[in-house]
PDB file of N, CA and C in Angstrom:
ATOM      1  N   MET A   1       3.966   4.816  20.855  1.00  0.00           N
ATOM      2  CA  MET A   1       3.318   3.885  20.210  1.00  0.00           C
ATOM      3  C   MET A   1       3.333   4.005  18.721  1.00  0.00           C
ATOM      4  N   LEU A   2       2.655   4.967  18.292  1.00  0.00           N
ATOM      5  CA  LEU A   2       2.434   5.323  16.846  1.00  0.00           C
ATOM      6  C   LEU A   2       3.949   5.532  16.261  1.00  0.00           C
ATOM      7  N   LYS A   3       4.790   6.220  16.982  1.00  0.00           N
ATOM      8  CA  LYS A   3       6.084   6.535  16.364  1.00  0.00           C
ATOM      9  C   LYS A   3       6.929   5.288  16.157  1.00  0.00           C
ATOM     10  N   ASN A   4       6.549   4.200  17.045  1.00  0.00           N
ATOM     11  CA  ASN A   4       7.283   2.880  16.885  1.00  0.00           C
ATOM     12  C   ASN A   4       6.782   2.120  15.670  1.00  0.00           C
ATOM     13  N   PHE A   5       5.390   2.167  15.562  1.00  0.00           N
ATOM     14  CA  PHE A   5       4.815   1.523  14.449  1.00  0.00           C
ATOM     15  C   PHE A   5       5.348   2.153  13.075  1.00  0.00           C
ATOM     16  N   ILE A   6       5.375   3.492  13.143  1.00  0.00           N
ATOM     17  CA  ILE A   6       5.767   4.052  11.687  1.00  0.00           C
ATOM     18  C   ILE A   6       7.396   3.578  11.536  1.00  0.00           C
ATOM     19  N   GLN A   7       8.115   3.676  12.526  1.00  0.00           N
ATOM     20  CA  GLN A   7       9.513   3.260  12.446  1.00  0.00           C
ATOM     21  C   GLN A   7       9.652   1.860  11.848  1.00  0.00           C
ATOM     22  N   LYS A   8       8.651   0.987  12.385  1.00  0.00           N
ATOM     23  CA  LYS A   8       8.719  -0.514  12.114  1.00  0.00           C
ATOM     24  C   LYS A   8       8.385  -0.843  10.717  1.00  0.00           C
ATOM     25  N   ILE A   9       7.225  -0.109  10.144  1.00  0.00           N
ATOM     26  CA  ILE A   9       6.839  -0.287   8.772  1.00  0.00           C
ATOM     27  C   ILE A   9       7.407   0.526   7.689  1.00  0.00           C
ATOM     28  N   GLY A  10       7.842   1.768   8.190  1.00  0.00           N
ATOM     29  CA  GLY A  10       8.389   2.723   7.278  1.00  0.00           C
ATOM     30  C   GLY A  10       7.446   3.714   6.979  1.00  0.00           C
ATOM     31  N   ILE A  11       7.990   5.019   6.731  1.00  0.00           N
ATOM     32  CA  ILE A  11       7.150   6.078   6.485  1.00  0.00           C
ATOM     33  C   ILE A  11       6.209   6.013   5.223  1.00  0.00           C
ATOM     34  N   ILE A  12       6.708   5.508   4.163  1.00  0.00           N
ATOM     35  CA  ILE A  12       6.087   5.292   2.900  1.00  0.00           C
ATOM     36  C   ILE A  12       4.753   4.350   3.051  1.00  0.00           C
ATOM     37  N   ASN A  13       5.050   3.235   3.788  1.00  0.00           N
ATOM     38  CA  ASN A  13       3.959   2.230   4.084  1.00  0.00           C
ATOM     39  C   ASN A  13       2.986   2.936   4.954  1.00  0.00           C
ATOM     40  N   ALA A  14       3.422   3.585   6.036  1.00  0.00           N
ATOM     41  CA  ALA A  14       2.453   4.337   6.768  1.00  0.00           C
ATOM     42  C   ALA A  14       1.562   5.207   6.011  1.00  0.00           C
ATOM     43  N   VAL A  15       2.282   6.112   5.097  1.00  0.00           N
ATOM     44  CA  VAL A  15       1.365   6.966   4.367  1.00  0.00           C
ATOM     45  C   VAL A  15       0.357   6.231   3.482  1.00  0.00           C
ATOM     46  N   MET A  16       0.840   5.189   2.863  1.00  0.00           N
ATOM     47  CA  MET A  16      -0.009   4.442   1.872  1.00  0.00           C
ATOM     48  C   MET A  16      -1.221   3.834   2.723  1.00  0.00           C
ATOM     49  N   LEU A  17      -0.936   3.399   3.955  1.00  0.00           N
ATOM     50  CA  LEU A  17      -2.007   2.842   4.839  1.00  0.00           C
ATOM     51  C   LEU A  17      -3.020   3.932   5.132  1.00  0.00           C
ATOM     52  N   LEU A  18      -2.558   5.239   5.274  1.00  0.00           N
ATOM     53  CA  LEU A  18      -3.421   6.160   5.497  1.00  0.00           C
ATOM     54  C   LEU A  18      -4.320   6.453   4.334  1.00  0.00           C
ATOM     55  N   VAL A  19      -3.589   6.327   3.168  1.00  0.00           N
ATOM     56  CA  VAL A  19      -4.464   6.540   1.843  1.00  0.00           C
ATOM     57  C   VAL A  19      -5.364   5.550   1.723  1.00  0.00           C
ATOM     58  N   VAL A  20      -5.158   4.289   2.151  1.00  0.00           N
ATOM     59  CA  VAL A  20      -6.044   3.154   1.888  1.00  0.00           C
ATOM     60  C   VAL A  20      -7.111   3.397   2.966  1.00  0.00           C
ATOM     61  N   LEU A  21      -7.034   3.817   4.048  1.00  0.00           N
ATOM     62  CA  LEU A  21      -8.036   4.126   5.184  1.00  0.00           C
ATOM     63  C   LEU A  21      -8.920   5.209   4.677  1.00  0.00           C
ATOM     64  N   SER A  22      -8.455   6.185   4.076  1.00  0.00           N
ATOM     65  CA  SER A  22      -9.214   7.347   3.598  1.00  0.00           C
ATOM     66  C   SER A  22      -9.998   6.913   2.540  1.00  0.00           C
ATOM     67  N   ILE A  23      -9.387   5.901   1.431  1.00  0.00           N
ATOM     68  CA  ILE A  23     -10.274   5.473   0.406  1.00  0.00           C
ATOM     69  C   ILE A  23     -11.436   4.562   0.828  1.00  0.00           C
ATOM     70  N   ILE A  24     -11.246   3.834   2.005  1.00  0.00           N
ATOM     71  CA  ILE A  24     -12.322   2.997   2.610  1.00  0.00           C
ATOM     72  C   ILE A  24     -13.473   4.119   3.078  1.00  0.00           C
ATOM     73  N   ILE A  25     -13.076   5.122   3.728  1.00  0.00           N
ATOM     74  CA  ILE A  25     -14.100   6.127   4.349  1.00  0.00           C
ATOM     75  C   ILE A  25     -14.794   6.670   3.171  1.00  0.00           C
ATOM     76  N   VAL A  26     -14.231   7.199   2.174  1.00  0.00           N
ATOM     77  CA  VAL A  26     -14.706   7.872   1.069  1.00  0.00           C
ATOM     78  C   VAL A  26     -15.752   6.863   0.382  1.00  0.00           C
ATOM     79  N   ALA A  27     -15.358   5.611   0.214  1.00  0.00           N
ATOM     80  CA  ALA A  27     -16.065   4.662  -0.389  1.00  0.00           C
ATOM     81  C   ALA A  27     -17.377   4.468   0.420  1.00  0.00           C
ATOM     82  N   GLU A  28     -17.254   4.305   1.601  1.00  0.00           N
ATOM     83  CA  GLU A  28     -18.498   4.063   2.469  1.00  0.00           C
ATOM     84  C   GLU A  28     -19.405   5.318   2.193  1.00  0.00           C
ATOM     85  N   TYR A  29     -18.935   6.515   2.439  1.00  0.00           N
ATOM     86  CA  TYR A  29     -19.689   7.659   2.231  1.00  0.00           C
ATOM     87  C   TYR A  29     -20.475   7.603   0.865  1.00  0.00           C
ATOM     88  N   VAL A  30     -19.640   7.542  -0.097  1.00  0.00           N
ATOM     89  CA  VAL A  30     -20.170   7.331  -1.436  1.00  0.00           C
ATOM     90  C   VAL A  30     -21.321   6.362  -1.596  1.00  0.00           C
ATOM     91  N   PHE A  31     -20.968   5.183  -1.035  1.00  0.00           N
ATOM     92  CA  PHE A  31     -22.006   4.095  -1.092  1.00  0.00           C
ATOM     93  C   PHE A  31     -23.260   4.341  -0.377  1.00  0.00           C
ATOM     94  N   ILE A  32     -23.216   5.083   0.732  1.00  0.00           N
ATOM     95  CA  ILE A  32     -24.400   5.331   1.416  1.00  0.00           C
ATOM     96  C   ILE A  32     -25.226   6.629   1.022  1.00  0.00           C
ATOM     97  N   LYS A  33     -24.282   7.601   0.676  1.00  0.00           N
ATOM     98  CA  LYS A  33     -25.088   8.861   0.243  1.00  0.00           C
ATOM     99  C   LYS A  33     -25.278   9.226  -1.150  1.00  0.00           C
ATOM    100  N   ILE A  34     -24.384   8.711  -2.050  1.00  0.00           N
ATOM    101  CA  ILE A  34     -24.523   9.033  -3.399  1.00  0.00           C
ATOM    102  C   ILE A  34     -25.106   8.022  -4.376  1.00  0.00           C
ATOM    103  N   ASP A  35     -24.149   7.011  -4.512  1.00  0.00           N
ATOM    104  CA  ASP A  35     -24.569   5.865  -5.487  1.00  0.00           C
ATOM    105  C   ASP A  35     -23.834   4.573  -5.110  1.00  0.00           C
ATOM    106  N   LYS A  36     -24.612   3.482  -5.049  1.00  0.00           N
ATOM    107  CA  LYS A  36     -23.990   2.184  -4.640  1.00  0.00           C
ATOM    108  C   LYS A  36     -23.033   1.703  -5.376  1.00  0.00           C
ATOM    109  N   ILE A  37     -23.280   1.797  -6.754  1.00  0.00           N
ATOM    110  CA  ILE A  37     -22.232   1.404  -7.767  1.00  0.00           C
ATOM    111  C   ILE A  37     -20.937   2.033  -7.736  1.00  0.00           C
ATOM    112  N   ASP A  38     -21.027   3.330  -7.561  1.00  0.00           N
ATOM    113  CA  ASP A  38     -19.739   4.123  -7.538  1.00  0.00           C
ATOM    114  C   ASP A  38     -19.012   3.853  -6.221  1.00  0.00           C
ATOM    115  N   GLY A  39     -19.783   3.692  -5.075  1.00  0.00           N
ATOM    116  CA  GLY A  39     -19.196   3.344  -3.810  1.00  0.00           C
ATOM    117  C   GLY A  39     -18.369   1.939  -3.901  1.00  0.00           C
ATOM    118  N   ILE A  40     -18.979   1.140  -4.654  1.00  0.00           N
ATOM    119  CA  ILE A  40     -18.355  -0.362  -4.873  1.00  0.00           C
ATOM    120  C   ILE A  40     -17.143  -0.082  -5.635  1.00  0.00           C
ATOM    121  N   PHE A  41     -17.134   0.566  -6.559  1.00  0.00           N
ATOM    122  CA  PHE A  41     -16.004   0.838  -7.611  1.00  0.00           C
ATOM    123  C   PHE A  41     -14.832   1.511  -6.714  1.00  0.00           C
ATOM    124  N   ILE A  42     -15.157   2.421  -5.903  1.00  0.00           N
ATOM    125  CA  ILE A  42     -14.123   3.185  -5.160  1.00  0.00           C
ATOM    126  C   ILE A  42     -13.541   2.227  -4.128  1.00  0.00           C
ATOM    127  N   GLY A  43     -14.474   1.513  -3.516  1.00  0.00           N
ATOM    128  CA  GLY A  43     -14.049   0.585  -2.424  1.00  0.00           C
ATOM    129  C   GLY A  43     -13.124  -0.510  -2.965  1.00  0.00           C
ATOM    130  N   LEU A  44     -13.081  -0.752  -4.251  1.00  0.00           N
ATOM    131  CA  LEU A  44     -12.145  -1.813  -4.634  1.00  0.00           C
ATOM    132  C   LEU A  44     -10.776  -1.229  -4.896  1.00  0.00           C
ATOM    133  N   TRP A  45     -10.607  -0.116  -4.827  1.00  0.00           N
ATOM    134  CA  TRP A  45      -9.324   0.654  -4.933  1.00  0.00           C
ATOM    135  C   TRP A  45      -8.387   0.052  -3.705  1.00  0.00           C
ATOM    136  N   ALA A  46      -8.998   0.194  -2.523  1.00  0.00           N
ATOM    137  CA  ALA A  46      -8.119  -0.134  -1.375  1.00  0.00           C
ATOM    138  C   ALA A  46      -7.460  -1.673  -1.434  1.00  0.00           C
ATOM    139  N   PRO A  47      -8.092  -2.579  -1.616  1.00  0.00           N
ATOM    140  CA  PRO A  47      -7.487  -3.967  -1.814  1.00  0.00           C
ATOM    141  C   PRO A  47      -6.481  -3.907  -2.846  1.00  0.00           C
ATOM    142  N   THR A  48      -6.772  -3.151  -3.956  1.00  0.00           N
ATOM    143  CA  THR A  48      -5.813  -3.204  -5.058  1.00  0.00           C
ATOM    144  C   THR A  48      -4.619  -2.472  -4.755  1.00  0.00           C
ATOM    145  N   ILE A  49      -4.505  -1.352  -3.993  1.00  0.00           N
ATOM    146  CA  ILE A  49      -3.489  -0.760  -3.564  1.00  0.00           C
ATOM    147  C   ILE A  49      -2.753  -1.649  -2.466  1.00  0.00           C
ATOM    148  N   LEU A  50      -3.400  -2.318  -1.715  1.00  0.00           N
ATOM    149  CA  LEU A  50      -2.748  -3.136  -0.618  1.00  0.00           C
ATOM    150  C   LEU A  50      -2.013  -4.329  -1.385  1.00  0.00           C
ATOM    151  N   GLY A  51      -2.641  -4.924  -2.278  1.00  0.00           N
ATOM    152  CA  GLY A  51      -2.004  -5.884  -3.351  1.00  0.00           C
ATOM    153  C   GLY A  51      -0.840  -5.343  -3.901  1.00  0.00           C
ATOM    154  N   PHE A  52      -0.919  -4.146  -4.469  1.00  0.00           N
ATOM    155  CA  PHE A  52       0.393  -3.752  -5.187  1.00  0.00           C
ATOM    156  C   PHE A  52       1.584  -3.483  -4.157  1.00  0.00           C
ATOM    157  N   MET A  53       1.096  -3.082  -3.083  1.00  0.00           N
ATOM    158  CA  MET A  53       2.114  -2.801  -2.028  1.00  0.00           C
ATOM    159  C   MET A  53       2.728  -4.163  -1.621  1.00  0.00           C
ATOM    160  N   ASN A  54       1.886  -5.246  -1.420  1.00  0.00           N
ATOM    161  CA  ASN A  54       2.715  -6.614  -1.334  1.00  0.00           C
ATOM    162  C   ASN A  54       3.368  -7.037  -2.383  1.00  0.00           C
ATOM    163  N   PHE A  55       2.977  -6.798  -3.749  1.00  0.00           N
ATOM    164  CA  PHE A  55       3.769  -7.123  -4.869  1.00  0.00           C
ATOM    165  C   PHE A  55       5.160  -6.478  -4.712  1.00  0.00           C
ATOM    166  N   LEU A  56       5.273  -5.186  -4.492  1.00  0.00           N
ATOM    167  CA  LEU A  56       6.432  -4.492  -4.500  1.00  0.00           C
ATOM    168  C   LEU A  56       7.431  -4.880  -3.359  1.00  0.00           C
ATOM    169  N   LYS A  57       6.728  -5.274  -2.197  1.00  0.00           N
ATOM    170  CA  LYS A  57       7.504  -5.718  -0.898  1.00  0.00           C
ATOM    171  C   LYS A  57       8.130  -7.073  -1.273  1.00  0.00           C
ATOM    172  N   TYR A  58       7.475  -7.897  -1.861  1.00  0.00           N
ATOM    173  CA  TYR A  58       8.139  -9.266  -1.999  1.00  0.00           C
ATOM    174  C   TYR A  58       8.641  -9.624  -3.369  1.00  0.00           C
ATOM    175  N   ARG A  59       8.698  -8.847  -4.248  1.00  0.00           N
ATOM    176  CA  ARG A  59       9.441  -9.150  -5.572  1.00  0.00           C
ATOM    177  C   ARG A  59      10.831  -8.948  -5.351  1.00  0.00           C
ATOM    178  N   LYS A  60      11.445  -9.804  -6.218  1.00  0.00           N
ATOM    179  CA  LYS A  60      12.906  -9.995  -5.980  1.00  0.00           C
ATOM    180  C   LYS A  60      13.711  -9.301  -7.108  1.00  0.00           C
TER     181      LYS A  60
END
């Protein structure tokens, strides 16, 4: 199942999705344990990376 998913989206996209997931986890930890403002700042990286991935996918 996971192998089919990776083949369908590509290895680079799968790695980038893992990076985004790890950023979300780190942002939640920082938000709860360290500083709320820093957690929000780090949390904004995930949608930025996803948007950049979409830009690269659909540009001509």
